Amino acid sequence: MERVLGIGGYFLRATDPGALSAWYHDCLGLDADENGLWRQEAGPVVFATFESETRYFGSRTQQTMLNFRARDLDAMLAQLRAEGADVDQETQDMEGVGRFGWVTDPEGNRLELWQPA
């Protein structure tokens, strides 16, 4: 059986694609080139499904949620707050999995930040 090799991309609709790309670069340090190619660091990737009624993604209209790995969750959240980003006050610890925090981008997409255990 042929298998997929990993995540090949994640695509977002945006009112202002240039401004949203700049936000991801300036606030999260996502260093993609002019074609959107980003060479991420090797590490774990989670693929999980959720109940259709979940509130975990924020808005009920949001069907997917992007999760980024972070080396230091507290530093990343502080950086985002300093940039004026909409950062949840709550964080969550899951024993053996890691720590989680959330931010909403300027287009209203809720993102999860994960510091693996």
PDB file of N, CA and C in Angstrom:
ATOM      1  N   MET A   1       0.837  -1.182   0.000  1.00  0.00           N
ATOM      2  CA  MET A   1       0.000   0.000   0.000  1.00  0.00           C
ATOM      3  C   MET A   1       0.884   1.248   0.000  1.00  0.00           C
ATOM      4  N   GLU A   2       0.595   2.190  -0.864  1.00  0.00           N
ATOM      5  CA  GLU A   2       1.312   3.472  -0.892  1.00  0.00           C
ATOM      6  C   GLU A   2       0.851   4.317   0.285  1.00  0.00           C
ATOM      7  N   ARG A   3       1.767   5.066   0.894  1.00  0.00           N
ATOM      8  CA  ARG A   3       1.444   5.892   2.065  1.00  0.00           C
ATOM      9  C   ARG A   3       1.898   7.325   1.830  1.00  0.00           C
ATOM     10  N   VAL A   4       1.207   8.255   2.474  1.00  0.00           N
ATOM     11  CA  VAL A   4       1.644   9.647   2.412  1.00  0.00           C
ATOM     12  C   VAL A   4       2.909   9.794   3.257  1.00  0.00           C
ATOM     13  N   LEU A   5       3.719  10.823   2.956  1.00  0.00           N
ATOM     14  CA  LEU A   5       5.000  11.016   3.617  1.00  0.00           C
ATOM     15  C   LEU A   5       4.958  12.019   4.764  1.00  0.00           C
ATOM     16  N   GLY A   6       3.925  12.833   4.803  1.00  0.00           N
ATOM     17  CA  GLY A   6       3.830  13.861   5.829  1.00  0.00           C
ATOM     18  C   GLY A   6       2.937  14.986   5.345  1.00  0.00           C
ATOM     19  N   ILE A   7       2.842  16.039   6.127  1.00  0.00           N
ATOM     20  CA  ILE A   7       2.051  17.204   5.740  1.00  0.00           C
ATOM     21  C   ILE A   7       2.782  17.920   4.618  1.00  0.00           C
ATOM     22  N   GLY A   8       2.120  18.171   3.541  1.00  0.00           N
ATOM     23  CA  GLY A   8       2.728  18.845   2.394  1.00  0.00           C
ATOM     24  C   GLY A   8       2.378  20.315   2.303  1.00  0.00           C
ATOM     25  N   GLY A   9       1.379  20.755   3.046  1.00  0.00           N
ATOM     26  CA  GLY A   9       0.998  22.164   3.023  1.00  0.00           C
ATOM     27  C   GLY A   9      -0.257  22.391   3.828  1.00  0.00           C
ATOM     28  N   TYR A  10      -0.498  23.640   4.114  1.00  0.00           N
ATOM     29  CA  TYR A  10      -1.718  24.054   4.800  1.00  0.00           C
ATOM     30  C   TYR A  10      -2.117  25.364   4.153  1.00  0.00           C
ATOM     31  N   PHE A  11      -3.347  25.495   3.708  1.00  0.00           N
ATOM     32  CA  PHE A  11      -3.764  26.636   2.919  1.00  0.00           C
ATOM     33  C   PHE A  11      -4.910  27.368   3.596  1.00  0.00           C
ATOM     34  N   LEU A  12      -4.832  28.684   3.630  1.00  0.00           N
ATOM     35  CA  LEU A  12      -5.831  29.519   4.287  1.00  0.00           C
ATOM     36  C   LEU A  12      -6.414  30.528   3.309  1.00  0.00           C
ATOM     37  N   ARG A  13      -7.713  30.713   3.349  1.00  0.00           N
ATOM     38  CA  ARG A  13      -8.327  31.830   2.642  1.00  0.00           C
ATOM     39  C   ARG A  13      -8.063  33.075   3.480  1.00  0.00           C
ATOM     40  N   ALA A  14      -7.862  34.222   2.822  1.00  0.00           N
ATOM     41  CA  ALA A  14      -7.611  35.456   3.571  1.00  0.00           C
ATOM     42  C   ALA A  14      -8.146  36.647   2.800  1.00  0.00           C
ATOM     43  N   THR A  15      -8.656  37.613   3.530  1.00  0.00           N
ATOM     44  CA  THR A  15      -9.090  38.864   2.924  1.00  0.00           C
ATOM     45  C   THR A  15      -7.890  39.595   2.343  1.00  0.00           C
ATOM     46  N   ASP A  16      -6.764  39.568   3.071  1.00  0.00           N
ATOM     47  CA  ASP A  16      -5.525  40.191   2.628  1.00  0.00           C
ATOM     48  C   ASP A  16      -4.398  39.172   2.800  1.00  0.00           C
ATOM     49  N   PRO A  17      -4.165  38.321   1.782  1.00  0.00           N
ATOM     50  CA  PRO A  17      -3.167  37.257   1.914  1.00  0.00           C
ATOM     51  C   PRO A  17      -1.770  37.774   2.263  1.00  0.00           C
ATOM     52  N   GLY A  18      -1.366  38.882   1.693  1.00  0.00           N
ATOM     53  CA  GLY A  18      -0.037  39.426   1.991  1.00  0.00           C
ATOM     54  C   GLY A  18       0.108  39.819   3.446  1.00  0.00           C
ATOM     55  N   ALA A  19      -0.911  40.492   3.979  1.00  0.00           N
ATOM     56  CA  ALA A  19      -0.866  40.923   5.383  1.00  0.00           C
ATOM     57  C   ALA A  19      -0.895  39.717   6.316  1.00  0.00           C
ATOM     58  N   LEU A  20      -1.700  38.709   5.986  1.00  0.00           N
ATOM     59  CA  LEU A  20      -1.769  37.529   6.843  1.00  0.00           C
ATOM     60  C   LEU A  20      -0.442  36.769   6.808  1.00  0.00           C
ATOM     61  N   SER A  21       0.163  36.636   5.646  1.00  0.00           N
ATOM     62  CA  SER A  21       1.487  35.993   5.549  1.00  0.00           C
ATOM     63  C   SER A  21       2.512  36.763   6.367  1.00  0.00           C
ATOM     64  N   ALA A  22       2.454  38.091   6.302  1.00  0.00           N
ATOM     65  CA  ALA A  22       3.385  38.919   7.074  1.00  0.00           C
ATOM     66  C   ALA A  22       3.181  38.707   8.572  1.00  0.00           C
ATOM     67  N   TRP A  23       1.936  38.571   9.016  1.00  0.00           N
ATOM     68  CA  TRP A  23       1.664  38.331  10.436  1.00  0.00           C
ATOM     69  C   TRP A  23       2.306  37.021  10.891  1.00  0.00           C
ATOM     70  N   TYR A  24       2.137  35.961  10.106  1.00  0.00           N
ATOM     71  CA  TYR A  24       2.730  34.674  10.455  1.00  0.00           C
ATOM     72  C   TYR A  24       4.257  34.778  10.509  1.00  0.00           C
ATOM     73  N   HIS A  25       4.833  35.546   9.610  1.00  0.00           N
ATOM     74  CA  HIS A  25       6.284  35.750   9.614  1.00  0.00           C
ATOM     75  C   HIS A  25       6.720  36.593  10.812  1.00  0.00           C
ATOM     76  N   ASP A  26       6.077  37.728  11.004  1.00  0.00           N
ATOM     77  CA  ASP A  26       6.491  38.682  12.040  1.00  0.00           C
ATOM     78  C   ASP A  26       6.175  38.212  13.455  1.00  0.00           C
ATOM     79  N   CYS A  27       5.062  37.562  13.645  1.00  0.00           N
ATOM     80  CA  CYS A  27       4.642  37.170  14.998  1.00  0.00           C
ATOM     81  C   CYS A  27       5.071  35.759  15.391  1.00  0.00           C
ATOM     82  N   LEU A  28       5.107  34.844  14.431  1.00  0.00           N
ATOM     83  CA  LEU A  28       5.452  33.459  14.743  1.00  0.00           C
ATOM     84  C   LEU A  28       6.821  33.045  14.216  1.00  0.00           C
ATOM     85  N   GLY A  29       7.436  33.908  13.390  1.00  0.00           N
ATOM     86  CA  GLY A  29       8.738  33.571  12.837  1.00  0.00           C
ATOM     87  C   GLY A  29       8.685  32.534  11.738  1.00  0.00           C
ATOM     88  N   LEU A  30       7.508  32.334  11.137  1.00  0.00           N
ATOM     89  CA  LEU A  30       7.366  31.365  10.059  1.00  0.00           C
ATOM     90  C   LEU A  30       8.059  31.937   8.826  1.00  0.00           C
ATOM     91  N   ASP A  31       9.197  31.367   8.472  1.00  0.00           N
ATOM     92  CA  ASP A  31      10.073  31.912   7.435  1.00  0.00           C
ATOM     93  C   ASP A  31       9.850  31.203   6.095  1.00  0.00           C
ATOM     94  N   ALA A  32       8.725  31.501   5.461  1.00  0.00           N
ATOM     95  CA  ALA A  32       8.409  30.907   4.156  1.00  0.00           C
ATOM     96  C   ALA A  32       8.957  31.804   3.044  1.00  0.00           C
ATOM     97  N   ASP A  33       9.307  31.189   1.914  1.00  0.00           N
ATOM     98  CA  ASP A  33       9.805  31.977   0.779  1.00  0.00           C
ATOM     99  C   ASP A  33       8.630  32.542  -0.025  1.00  0.00           C
ATOM    100  N   GLU A  34       8.924  33.170  -1.158  1.00  0.00           N
ATOM    101  CA  GLU A  34       7.878  33.828  -1.964  1.00  0.00           C
ATOM    102  C   GLU A  34       6.843  32.857  -2.516  1.00  0.00           C
ATOM    103  N   ASN A  35       7.175  31.560  -2.535  1.00  0.00           N
ATOM    104  CA  ASN A  35       6.228  30.540  -2.992  1.00  0.00           C
ATOM    105  C   ASN A  35       5.518  29.848  -1.830  1.00  0.00           C
ATOM    106  N   GLY A  36       5.800  30.289  -0.614  1.00  0.00           N
ATOM    107  CA  GLY A  36       5.183  29.689   0.555  1.00  0.00           C
ATOM    108  C   GLY A  36       5.926  28.476   1.089  1.00  0.00           C
ATOM    109  N   LEU A  37       7.086  28.138   0.514  1.00  0.00           N
ATOM    110  CA  LEU A  37       7.839  26.966   0.958  1.00  0.00           C
ATOM    111  C   LEU A  37       8.524  27.262   2.288  1.00  0.00           C
ATOM    112  N   TRP A  38       8.239  26.446   3.284  1.00  0.00           N
ATOM    113  CA  TRP A  38       8.805  26.586   4.627  1.00  0.00           C
ATOM    114  C   TRP A  38       9.434  25.264   5.003  1.00  0.00           C
ATOM    115  N   ARG A  39      10.698  25.285   5.304  1.00  0.00           N
ATOM    116  CA  ARG A  39      11.400  24.066   5.711  1.00  0.00           C
ATOM    117  C   ARG A  39      11.393  23.996   7.235  1.00  0.00           C
ATOM    118  N   GLN A  40      10.423  23.273   7.757  1.00  0.00           N
ATOM    119  CA  GLN A  40      10.259  23.180   9.202  1.00  0.00           C
ATOM    120  C   GLN A  40      11.261  22.220   9.804  1.00  0.00           C
ATOM    121  N   GLU A  41      11.471  22.391  11.101  1.00  0.00           N
ATOM    122  CA  GLU A  41      12.338  21.471  11.824  1.00  0.00           C
ATOM    123  C   GLU A  41      11.654  20.121  11.959  1.00  0.00           C
ATOM    124  N   ALA A  42      12.450  19.067  11.971  1.00  0.00           N
ATOM    125  CA  ALA A  42      11.910  17.717  12.148  1.00  0.00           C
ATOM    126  C   ALA A  42      11.308  17.588  13.539  1.00  0.00           C
ATOM    127  N   GLY A  43      10.245  16.845  13.636  1.00  0.00           N
ATOM    128  CA  GLY A  43       9.603  16.623  14.928  1.00  0.00           C
ATOM    129  C   GLY A  43       8.260  15.962  14.745  1.00  0.00           C
ATOM    130  N   PRO A  44       7.593  15.702  15.843  1.00  0.00           N
ATOM    131  CA  PRO A  44       6.316  14.995  15.776  1.00  0.00           C
ATOM    132  C   PRO A  44       5.210  15.852  15.157  1.00  0.00           C
ATOM    133  N   VAL A  45       4.304  15.192  14.488  1.00  0.00           N
ATOM    134  CA  VAL A  45       3.108  15.823  13.924  1.00  0.00           C
ATOM    135  C   VAL A  45       1.916  14.981  14.364  1.00  0.00           C
ATOM    136  N   VAL A  46       0.887  15.628  14.872  1.00  0.00           N
ATOM    137  CA  VAL A  46      -0.312  14.927  15.327  1.00  0.00           C
ATOM    138  C   VAL A  46      -1.401  15.069  14.267  1.00  0.00           C
ATOM    139  N   PHE A  47      -2.036  13.972  13.938  1.00  0.00           N
ATOM    140  CA  PHE A  47      -3.216  13.982  13.076  1.00  0.00           C
ATOM    141  C   PHE A  47      -4.351  13.443  13.924  1.00  0.00           C
ATOM    142  N   ALA A  48      -5.345  14.292  14.227  1.00  0.00           N
ATOM    143  CA  ALA A  48      -6.436  13.873  15.102  1.00  0.00           C
ATOM    144  C   ALA A  48      -7.761  14.410  14.583  1.00  0.00           C
ATOM    145  N   THR A  49      -8.809  13.662  14.820  1.00  0.00           N
ATOM    146  CA  THR A  49     -10.156  14.110  14.466  1.00  0.00           C
ATOM    147  C   THR A  49     -10.906  14.457  15.753  1.00  0.00           C
ATOM    148  N   PHE A  50     -11.863  15.366  15.640  1.00  0.00           N
ATOM    149  CA  PHE A  50     -12.645  15.840  16.782  1.00  0.00           C
ATOM    150  C   PHE A  50     -14.129  15.701  16.461  1.00  0.00           C
ATOM    151  N   GLU A  51     -14.934  15.618  17.491  1.00  0.00           N
ATOM    152  CA  GLU A  51     -16.391  15.590  17.326  1.00  0.00           C
ATOM    153  C   GLU A  51     -16.838  16.874  16.609  1.00  0.00           C
ATOM    154  N   SER A  52     -17.897  16.771  15.814  1.00  0.00           N
ATOM    155  CA  SER A  52     -18.371  17.921  15.044  1.00  0.00           C
ATOM    156  C   SER A  52     -18.833  19.078  15.919  1.00  0.00           C
ATOM    157  N   GLU A  53     -19.206  18.804  17.158  1.00  0.00           N
ATOM    158  CA  GLU A  53     -19.707  19.849  18.061  1.00  0.00           C
ATOM    159  C   GLU A  53     -18.608  20.474  18.924  1.00  0.00           C
ATOM    160  N   THR A  54     -17.342  20.116  18.705  1.00  0.00           N
ATOM    161  CA  THR A  54     -16.269  20.607  19.563  1.00  0.00           C
ATOM    162  C   THR A  54     -16.170  22.135  19.562  1.00  0.00           C
ATOM    163  N   ARG A  55     -15.799  22.669  20.703  1.00  0.00           N
ATOM    164  CA  ARG A  55     -15.535  24.105  20.828  1.00  0.00           C
ATOM    165  C   ARG A  55     -14.022  24.351  20.845  1.00  0.00           C
ATOM    166  N   TYR A  56     -13.249  23.295  20.710  1.00  0.00           N
ATOM    167  CA  TYR A  56     -11.793  23.372  20.805  1.00  0.00           C
ATOM    168  C   TYR A  56     -11.190  24.297  19.756  1.00  0.00           C
ATOM    169  N   PHE A  57     -11.812  24.376  18.573  1.00  0.00           N
ATOM    170  CA  PHE A  57     -11.282  25.209  17.499  1.00  0.00           C
ATOM    171  C   PHE A  57     -11.714  26.665  17.612  1.00  0.00           C
ATOM    172  N   GLY A  58     -12.456  27.011  18.643  1.00  0.00           N
ATOM    173  CA  GLY A  58     -12.970  28.375  18.765  1.00  0.00           C
ATOM    174  C   GLY A  58     -14.308  28.471  18.063  1.00  0.00           C
ATOM    175  N   SER A  59     -14.360  29.249  17.019  1.00  0.00           N
ATOM    176  CA  SER A  59     -15.588  29.464  16.264  1.00  0.00           C
ATOM    177  C   SER A  59     -16.111  28.159  15.658  1.00  0.00           C
ATOM    178  N   ARG A  60     -17.421  27.972  15.695  1.00  0.00           N
ATOM    179  CA  ARG A  60     -18.034  26.782  15.078  1.00  0.00           C
ATOM    180  C   ARG A  60     -17.840  26.754  13.573  1.00  0.00           C
ATOM    181  N   THR A  61     -17.554  27.912  12.963  1.00  0.00           N
ATOM    182  CA  THR A  61     -17.349  27.947  11.515  1.00  0.00           C
ATOM    183  C   THR A  61     -15.948  27.479  11.127  1.00  0.00           C
ATOM    184  N   GLN A  62     -15.023  27.426  12.078  1.00  0.00           N
ATOM    185  CA  GLN A  62     -13.663  26.972  11.775  1.00  0.00           C
ATOM    186  C   GLN A  62     -13.653  25.450  11.774  1.00  0.00           C
ATOM    187  N   GLN A  63     -13.336  24.864  10.637  1.00  0.00           N
ATOM    188  CA  GLN A  63     -13.399  23.412  10.475  1.00  0.00           C
ATOM    189  C   GLN A  63     -12.088  22.693  10.789  1.00  0.00           C
ATOM    190  N   THR A  64     -10.984  23.399  10.749  1.00  0.00           N
ATOM    191  CA  THR A  64      -9.676  22.812  11.043  1.00  0.00           C
ATOM    192  C   THR A  64      -8.897  23.778  11.938  1.00  0.00           C
ATOM    193  N   MET A  65      -7.867  23.277  12.594  1.00  0.00           N
ATOM    194  CA  MET A  65      -7.012  24.148  13.386  1.00  0.00           C
ATOM    195  C   MET A  65      -5.561  23.746  13.169  1.00  0.00           C
ATOM    196  N   LEU A  66      -4.747  24.719  12.849  1.00  0.00           N
ATOM    197  CA  LEU A  66      -3.321  24.507  12.666  1.00  0.00           C
ATOM    198  C   LEU A  66      -2.629  24.514  14.022  1.00  0.00           C
ATOM    199  N   ASN A  67      -1.730  23.568  14.230  1.00  0.00           N
ATOM    200  CA  ASN A  67      -0.965  23.458  15.466  1.00  0.00           C
ATOM    201  C   ASN A  67       0.503  23.624  15.098  1.00  0.00           C
ATOM    202  N   PHE A  68       1.187  24.555  15.767  1.00  0.00           N
ATOM    203  CA  PHE A  68       2.622  24.762  15.562  1.00  0.00           C
ATOM    204  C   PHE A  68       3.380  24.291  16.792  1.00  0.00           C
ATOM    205  N   ARG A  69       4.489  23.591  16.579  1.00  0.00           N
ATOM    206  CA  ARG A  69       5.386  23.238  17.666  1.00  0.00           C
ATOM    207  C   ARG A  69       6.186  24.471  18.061  1.00  0.00           C
ATOM    208  N   ALA A  70       6.408  24.647  19.355  1.00  0.00           N
ATOM    209  CA  ALA A  70       7.210  25.761  19.873  1.00  0.00           C
ATOM    210  C   ALA A  70       8.258  25.213  20.835  1.00  0.00           C
ATOM    211  N   ARG A  71       9.436  25.795  20.811  1.00  0.00           N
ATOM    212  CA  ARG A  71      10.509  25.375  21.708  1.00  0.00           C
ATOM    213  C   ARG A  71      10.225  25.826  23.141  1.00  0.00           C
ATOM    214  N   ASP A  72       9.740  27.080  23.304  1.00  0.00           N
ATOM    215  CA  ASP A  72       9.470  27.667  24.618  1.00  0.00           C
ATOM    216  C   ASP A  72       8.113  28.356  24.544  1.00  0.00           C
ATOM    217  N   LEU A  73       7.072  27.671  25.001  1.00  0.00           N
ATOM    218  CA  LEU A  73       5.708  28.183  24.881  1.00  0.00           C
ATOM    219  C   LEU A  73       5.537  29.533  25.566  1.00  0.00           C
ATOM    220  N   ASP A  74       6.066  29.676  26.771  1.00  0.00           N
ATOM    221  CA  ASP A  74       5.906  30.941  27.495  1.00  0.00           C
ATOM    222  C   ASP A  74       6.541  32.101  26.742  1.00  0.00           C
ATOM    223  N   ALA A  75       7.730  31.888  26.192  1.00  0.00           N
ATOM    224  CA  ALA A  75       8.403  32.941  25.426  1.00  0.00           C
ATOM    225  C   ALA A  75       7.613  33.279  24.162  1.00  0.00           C
ATOM    226  N   MET A  76       7.075  32.269  23.492  1.00  0.00           N
ATOM    227  CA  MET A  76       6.293  32.507  22.273  1.00  0.00           C
ATOM    228  C   MET A  76       5.026  33.291  22.591  1.00  0.00           C
ATOM    229  N   LEU A  77       4.331  32.919  23.661  1.00  0.00           N
ATOM    230  CA  LEU A  77       3.108  33.636  24.027  1.00  0.00           C
ATOM    231  C   LEU A  77       3.412  35.076  24.431  1.00  0.00           C
ATOM    232  N   ALA A  78       4.511  35.295  25.148  1.00  0.00           N
ATOM    233  CA  ALA A  78       4.915  36.656  25.524  1.00  0.00           C
ATOM    234  C   ALA A  78       5.237  37.476  24.282  1.00  0.00           C
ATOM    235  N   GLN A  79       5.913  36.877  23.327  1.00  0.00           N
ATOM    236  CA  GLN A  79       6.249  37.555  22.066  1.00  0.00           C
ATOM    237  C   GLN A  79       4.986  37.959  21.318  1.00  0.00           C
ATOM    238  N   LEU A  80       4.021  37.053  21.265  1.00  0.00           N
ATOM    239  CA  LEU A  80       2.766  37.350  20.583  1.00  0.00           C
ATOM    240  C   LEU A  80       1.997  38.464  21.282  1.00  0.00           C
ATOM    241  N   ARG A  81       1.966  38.423  22.599  1.00  0.00           N
ATOM    242  CA  ARG A  81       1.289  39.492  23.352  1.00  0.00           C
ATOM    243  C   ARG A  81       1.957  40.836  23.091  1.00  0.00           C
ATOM    244  N   ALA A  82       3.299  40.855  23.039  1.00  0.00           N
ATOM    245  CA  ALA A  82       4.041  42.090  22.776  1.00  0.00           C
ATOM    246  C   ALA A  82       3.722  42.654  21.393  1.00  0.00           C
ATOM    247  N   GLU A  83       3.364  41.766  20.460  1.00  0.00           N
ATOM    248  CA  GLU A  83       2.985  42.188  19.102  1.00  0.00           C
ATOM    249  C   GLU A  83       1.518  42.597  19.026  1.00  0.00           C
ATOM    250  N   GLY A  84       0.799  42.473  20.141  1.00  0.00           N
ATOM    251  CA  GLY A  84      -0.611  42.845  20.170  1.00  0.00           C
ATOM    252  C   GLY A  84      -1.545  41.765  19.675  1.00  0.00           C
ATOM    253  N   ALA A  85      -1.050  40.527  19.573  1.00  0.00           N
ATOM    254  CA  ALA A  85      -1.870  39.422  19.087  1.00  0.00           C
ATOM    255  C   ALA A  85      -2.932  39.036  20.117  1.00  0.00           C
ATOM    256  N   ASP A  86      -3.999  38.420  19.636  1.00  0.00           N
ATOM    257  CA  ASP A  86      -5.105  37.945  20.467  1.00  0.00           C
ATOM    258  C   ASP A  86      -4.728  36.575  21.033  1.00  0.00           C
ATOM    259  N   VAL A  87      -4.111  36.577  22.224  1.00  0.00           N
ATOM    260  CA  VAL A  87      -3.605  35.358  22.860  1.00  0.00           C
ATOM    261  C   VAL A  87      -4.528  34.969  24.005  1.00  0.00           C
ATOM    262  N   ASP A  88      -4.947  33.705  24.036  1.00  0.00           N
ATOM    263  CA  ASP A  88      -5.746  33.210  25.164  1.00  0.00           C
ATOM    264  C   ASP A  88      -4.924  33.306  26.438  1.00  0.00           C
ATOM    265  N   GLN A  89      -5.574  33.626  27.533  1.00  0.00           N
ATOM    266  CA  GLN A  89      -4.902  33.675  28.834  1.00  0.00           C
ATOM    267  C   GLN A  89      -4.602  32.265  29.345  1.00  0.00           C
ATOM    268  N   GLU A  90      -5.440  31.315  28.959  1.00  0.00           N
ATOM    269  CA  GLU A  90      -5.324  29.937  29.440  1.00  0.00           C
ATOM    270  C   GLU A  90      -4.229  29.185  28.687  1.00  0.00           C
ATOM    271  N   THR A  91      -3.494  28.345  29.398  1.00  0.00           N
ATOM    272  CA  THR A  91      -2.622  27.342  28.798  1.00  0.00           C
ATOM    273  C   THR A  91      -3.043  26.007  29.388  1.00  0.00           C
ATOM    274  N   GLN A  92      -2.590  24.936  28.766  1.00  0.00           N
ATOM    275  CA  GLN A  92      -2.976  23.607  29.237  1.00  0.00           C
ATOM    276  C   GLN A  92      -1.749  22.704  29.243  1.00  0.00           C
ATOM    277  N   ASP A  93      -1.614  21.914  30.288  1.00  0.00           N
ATOM    278  CA  ASP A  93      -0.545  20.928  30.400  1.00  0.00           C
ATOM    279  C   ASP A  93      -1.158  19.539  30.285  1.00  0.00           C
ATOM    280  N   MET A  94      -0.554  18.702  29.449  1.00  0.00           N
ATOM    281  CA  MET A  94      -0.973  17.302  29.335  1.00  0.00           C
ATOM    282  C   MET A  94       0.247  16.438  29.627  1.00  0.00           C
ATOM    283  N   GLU A  95       0.182  15.723  30.732  1.00  0.00           N
ATOM    284  CA  GLU A  95       1.312  14.906  31.154  1.00  0.00           C
ATOM    285  C   GLU A  95       1.747  13.953  30.045  1.00  0.00           C
ATOM    286  N   GLY A  96       3.027  13.957  29.752  1.00  0.00           N
ATOM    287  CA  GLY A  96       3.579  13.082  28.733  1.00  0.00           C
ATOM    288  C   GLY A  96       3.403  13.585  27.318  1.00  0.00           C
ATOM    289  N   VAL A  97       2.600  14.633  27.127  1.00  0.00           N
ATOM    290  CA  VAL A  97       2.340  15.178  25.782  1.00  0.00           C
ATOM    291  C   VAL A  97       2.993  16.546  25.633  1.00  0.00           C
ATOM    292  N   GLY A  98       2.759  17.433  26.610  1.00  0.00           N
ATOM    293  CA  GLY A  98       3.364  18.754  26.559  1.00  0.00           C
ATOM    294  C   GLY A  98       2.424  19.845  27.012  1.00  0.00           C
ATOM    295  N   ARG A  99       2.754  21.072  26.653  1.00  0.00           N
ATOM    296  CA  ARG A  99       1.988  22.258  27.042  1.00  0.00           C
ATOM    297  C   ARG A  99       1.390  22.890  25.805  1.00  0.00           C
ATOM    298  N   PHE A 100       0.216  23.498  25.985  1.00  0.00           N
ATOM    299  CA  PHE A 100      -0.515  24.089  24.870  1.00  0.00           C
ATOM    300  C   PHE A 100      -0.943  25.516  25.193  1.00  0.00           C
ATOM    301  N   GLY A 101      -0.974  26.352  24.178  1.00  0.00           N
ATOM    302  CA  GLY A 101      -1.503  27.707  24.260  1.00  0.00           C
ATOM    303  C   GLY A 101      -2.171  28.024  22.933  1.00  0.00           C
ATOM    304  N   TRP A 102      -2.931  29.114  22.900  1.00  0.00           N
ATOM    305  CA  TRP A 102      -3.693  29.430  21.695  1.00  0.00           C
ATOM    306  C   TRP A 102      -3.614  30.911  21.372  1.00  0.00           C
ATOM    307  N   VAL A 103      -3.660  31.208  20.081  1.00  0.00           N
ATOM    308  CA  VAL A 103      -3.665  32.576  19.579  1.00  0.00           C
ATOM    309  C   VAL A 103      -4.612  32.611  18.380  1.00  0.00           C
ATOM    310  N   THR A 104      -5.221  33.748  18.151  1.00  0.00           N
ATOM    311  CA  THR A 104      -6.087  33.929  16.986  1.00  0.00           C
ATOM    312  C   THR A 104      -5.406  34.900  16.043  1.00  0.00           C
ATOM    313  N   ASP A 105      -5.265  34.503  14.775  1.00  0.00           N
ATOM    314  CA  ASP A 105      -4.585  35.376  13.806  1.00  0.00           C
ATOM    315  C   ASP A 105      -5.504  36.534  13.398  1.00  0.00           C
ATOM    316  N   PRO A 106      -4.995  37.514  12.660  1.00  0.00           N
ATOM    317  CA  PRO A 106      -5.804  38.684  12.305  1.00  0.00           C
ATOM    318  C   PRO A 106      -7.044  38.387  11.462  1.00  0.00           C
ATOM    319  N   GLU A 107      -7.113  37.205  10.849  1.00  0.00           N
ATOM    320  CA  GLU A 107      -8.280  36.830  10.048  1.00  0.00           C
ATOM    321  C   GLU A 107      -9.282  36.010  10.864  1.00  0.00           C
ATOM    322  N   GLY A 108      -8.998  35.811  12.164  1.00  0.00           N
ATOM    323  CA  GLY A 108      -9.931  35.101  13.035  1.00  0.00           C
ATOM    324  C   GLY A 108      -9.707  33.606  13.138  1.00  0.00           C
ATOM    325  N   ASN A 109      -8.586  33.095  12.633  1.00  0.00           N
ATOM    326  CA  ASN A 109      -8.272  31.670  12.715  1.00  0.00           C
ATOM    327  C   ASN A 109      -7.580  31.365  14.038  1.00  0.00           C
ATOM    328  N   ARG A 110      -8.152  30.457  14.809  1.00  0.00           N
ATOM    329  CA  ARG A 110      -7.551  30.043  16.082  1.00  0.00           C
ATOM    330  C   ARG A 110      -6.433  29.048  15.785  1.00  0.00           C
ATOM    331  N   LEU A 111      -5.245  29.274  16.356  1.00  0.00           N
ATOM    332  CA  LEU A 111      -4.087  28.412  16.186  1.00  0.00           C
ATOM    333  C   LEU A 111      -3.708  27.850  17.546  1.00  0.00           C
ATOM    334  N   GLU A 112      -3.166  26.652  17.519  1.00  0.00           N
ATOM    335  CA  GLU A 112      -2.667  26.048  18.747  1.00  0.00           C
ATOM    336  C   GLU A 112      -1.143  26.044  18.697  1.00  0.00           C
ATOM    337  N   LEU A 113      -0.517  26.362  19.826  1.00  0.00           N
ATOM    338  CA  LEU A 113       0.921  26.288  19.967  1.00  0.00           C
ATOM    339  C   LEU A 113       1.232  25.175  20.960  1.00  0.00           C
ATOM    340  N   TRP A 114       2.189  24.333  20.626  1.00  0.00           N
ATOM    341  CA  TRP A 114       2.472  23.128  21.398  1.00  0.00           C
ATOM    342  C   TRP A 114       3.948  23.043  21.715  1.00  0.00           C
ATOM    343  N   GLN A 115       4.268  22.971  22.986  1.00  0.00           N
ATOM    344  CA  GLN A 115       5.625  22.677  23.430  1.00  0.00           C
ATOM    345  C   GLN A 115       5.648  21.214  23.830  1.00  0.00           C
ATOM    346  N   PRO A 116       6.168  20.339  22.950  1.00  0.00           N
ATOM    347  CA  PRO A 116       6.148  18.905  23.262  1.00  0.00           C
ATOM    348  C   PRO A 116       6.889  18.593  24.555  1.00  0.00           C
ATOM    349  N   ALA A 117       6.431  17.544  25.232  1.00  0.00           N
ATOM    350  CA  ALA A 117       7.072  17.094  26.485  1.00  0.00           C
ATOM    351  C   ALA A 117       8.455  16.564  26.192  1.00  0.00           C
TER     352      ALA A 117
END
